[in-house]
Amino acid sequence: MSPFHPEWTEKLANWRSSGLSIAAWCREHHEGYHRFRYWRQRLEGPVPATSGRFVEIKLDPSPLTLECNGVSIHLSPGFDSELLTEILALLKRV
């Protein structure tokens, strides 16, 4: 067993309790992102992929802002739902 296991087990526990994203934790602790991901997978196994899902919402007449991964979409009452569908499809490909 590698001598790095206890160190990385502790780092993973520290990251989980921090509430930070992996990237933010790595920046704050001067740790390489890819190295962190390597050790996380090595010690915890592959992380299962999660898929997003859409939920139906009922809009009142006020504006709505959708935000995800740094992208904001502002919707006014009467927005074009077909255009929104096209924009979401485009963002999914990026």
Protein backbone atom coordinates (compact mmCIF):
# COMPACT_ATOMS: atom_id res chain seq x y z
CA MET A 1 0.00 0.00 0.00
CA SER A 2 1.29 3.44 -0.92
CA PRO A 3 2.37 5.82 1.85
CA PHE A 4 0.20 8.47 0.15
CA HIS A 5 -3.06 6.74 1.11
CA PRO A 6 -3.36 8.26 4.61
CA GLU A 7 -2.43 11.70 3.30
CA TRP A 8 -4.98 11.56 0.50
CA THR A 9 -7.67 10.03 2.68
CA GLU A 10 -7.23 13.02 4.98
CA LYS A 11 -7.25 15.48 2.05
CA LEU A 12 -10.48 13.99 0.70
CA ALA A 13 -12.11 14.24 4.14
CA ASN A 14 -10.92 17.85 4.41
CA TRP A 15 -12.38 18.67 0.98
CA ARG A 16 -15.74 17.05 1.81
CA SER A 17 -16.08 19.00 5.07
CA SER A 18 -15.06 22.28 3.39
CA GLY A 19 -18.17 22.57 1.22
CA LEU A 20 -15.97 23.79 -1.64
CA SER A 21 -15.92 22.49 -5.18
CA ILE A 22 -12.92 20.35 -6.07
CA ALA A 23 -11.42 23.16 -8.15
CA ALA A 24 -11.85 25.75 -5.38
CA TRP A 25 -10.42 23.40 -2.75
CA CYS A 26 -7.41 22.62 -4.93
CA ARG A 27 -6.72 26.32 -5.54
CA GLU A 28 -7.02 27.11 -1.84
CA HIS A 29 -4.71 24.23 -0.84
CA HIS A 30 -2.25 24.56 -3.75
CA GLU A 31 -3.05 21.05 -4.94
CA GLY A 32 -3.23 19.89 -8.55
CA TYR A 33 -6.80 19.36 -9.76
CA HIS A 34 -5.99 16.31 -11.88
CA ARG A 35 -3.89 14.80 -9.13
CA PHE A 36 -6.80 15.28 -6.71
CA ARG A 37 -9.19 13.57 -9.15
CA TYR A 38 -6.71 10.71 -9.62
CA TRP A 39 -6.47 10.04 -5.89
CA ARG A 40 -10.20 10.44 -5.38
CA GLN A 41 -10.91 7.79 -8.01
CA ARG A 42 -8.12 5.54 -6.76
CA LEU A 43 -9.33 5.62 -3.16
CA GLU A 44 -13.10 5.89 -3.67
CA GLY A 45 -13.62 4.27 -7.06
CA PRO A 46 -15.29 5.87 -10.07
CA VAL A 47 -17.74 8.64 -9.35
CA PRO A 48 -21.12 7.73 -10.85
CA ALA A 49 -22.30 10.09 -13.55
CA THR A 50 -25.32 12.16 -12.69
CA SER A 51 -27.72 13.37 -15.26
CA GLY A 52 -29.74 16.51 -15.05
CA ARG A 53 -33.44 16.61 -15.47
CA PHE A 54 -36.01 19.20 -16.31
CA VAL A 55 -38.95 19.96 -14.10
CA GLU A 56 -42.10 21.79 -15.05
CA ILE A 57 -42.55 25.14 -13.39
CA LYS A 58 -45.49 27.47 -13.45
CA LEU A 59 -44.48 31.06 -14.01
CA ASP A 60 -46.20 33.99 -12.49
CA PRO A 61 -46.11 37.27 -14.44
CA SER A 62 -42.76 38.32 -12.95
CA PRO A 63 -39.38 37.85 -14.70
CA LEU A 64 -37.38 34.69 -14.04
CA THR A 65 -33.63 34.08 -14.12
CA LEU A 66 -32.17 30.61 -14.73
CA GLU A 67 -28.56 30.12 -13.64
CA CYS A 68 -26.33 27.09 -14.13
CA ASN A 69 -22.52 26.82 -14.23
CA GLY A 70 -22.05 30.55 -14.59
CA VAL A 71 -24.62 30.97 -17.38
CA SER A 72 -27.65 33.18 -16.68
CA ILE A 73 -30.78 33.31 -18.80
CA HIS A 74 -33.28 36.07 -18.01
CA LEU A 75 -36.86 35.29 -18.99
CA SER A 76 -39.56 37.91 -19.20
CA PRO A 77 -43.27 37.14 -19.20
CA GLY A 78 -44.32 35.88 -22.62
CA PHE A 79 -40.85 34.56 -23.54
CA ASP A 80 -40.50 32.34 -26.62
CA SER A 81 -40.39 28.78 -25.26
CA GLU A 82 -39.11 27.38 -28.57
CA LEU A 83 -36.19 29.79 -28.48
CA LEU A 84 -35.45 28.76 -24.89
CA THR A 85 -35.45 25.10 -25.97
CA GLU A 86 -32.94 25.90 -28.74
CA ILE A 87 -30.72 27.86 -26.35
CA LEU A 88 -30.70 25.02 -23.79
CA ALA A 89 -29.86 22.49 -26.53
CA LEU A 90 -26.97 24.71 -27.65
CA LEU A 91 -25.65 25.07 -24.09
CA LYS A 92 -25.84 21.33 -23.60
CA ARG A 93 -23.48 20.82 -26.55
CA VAL A 94 -20.89 23.27 -25.21
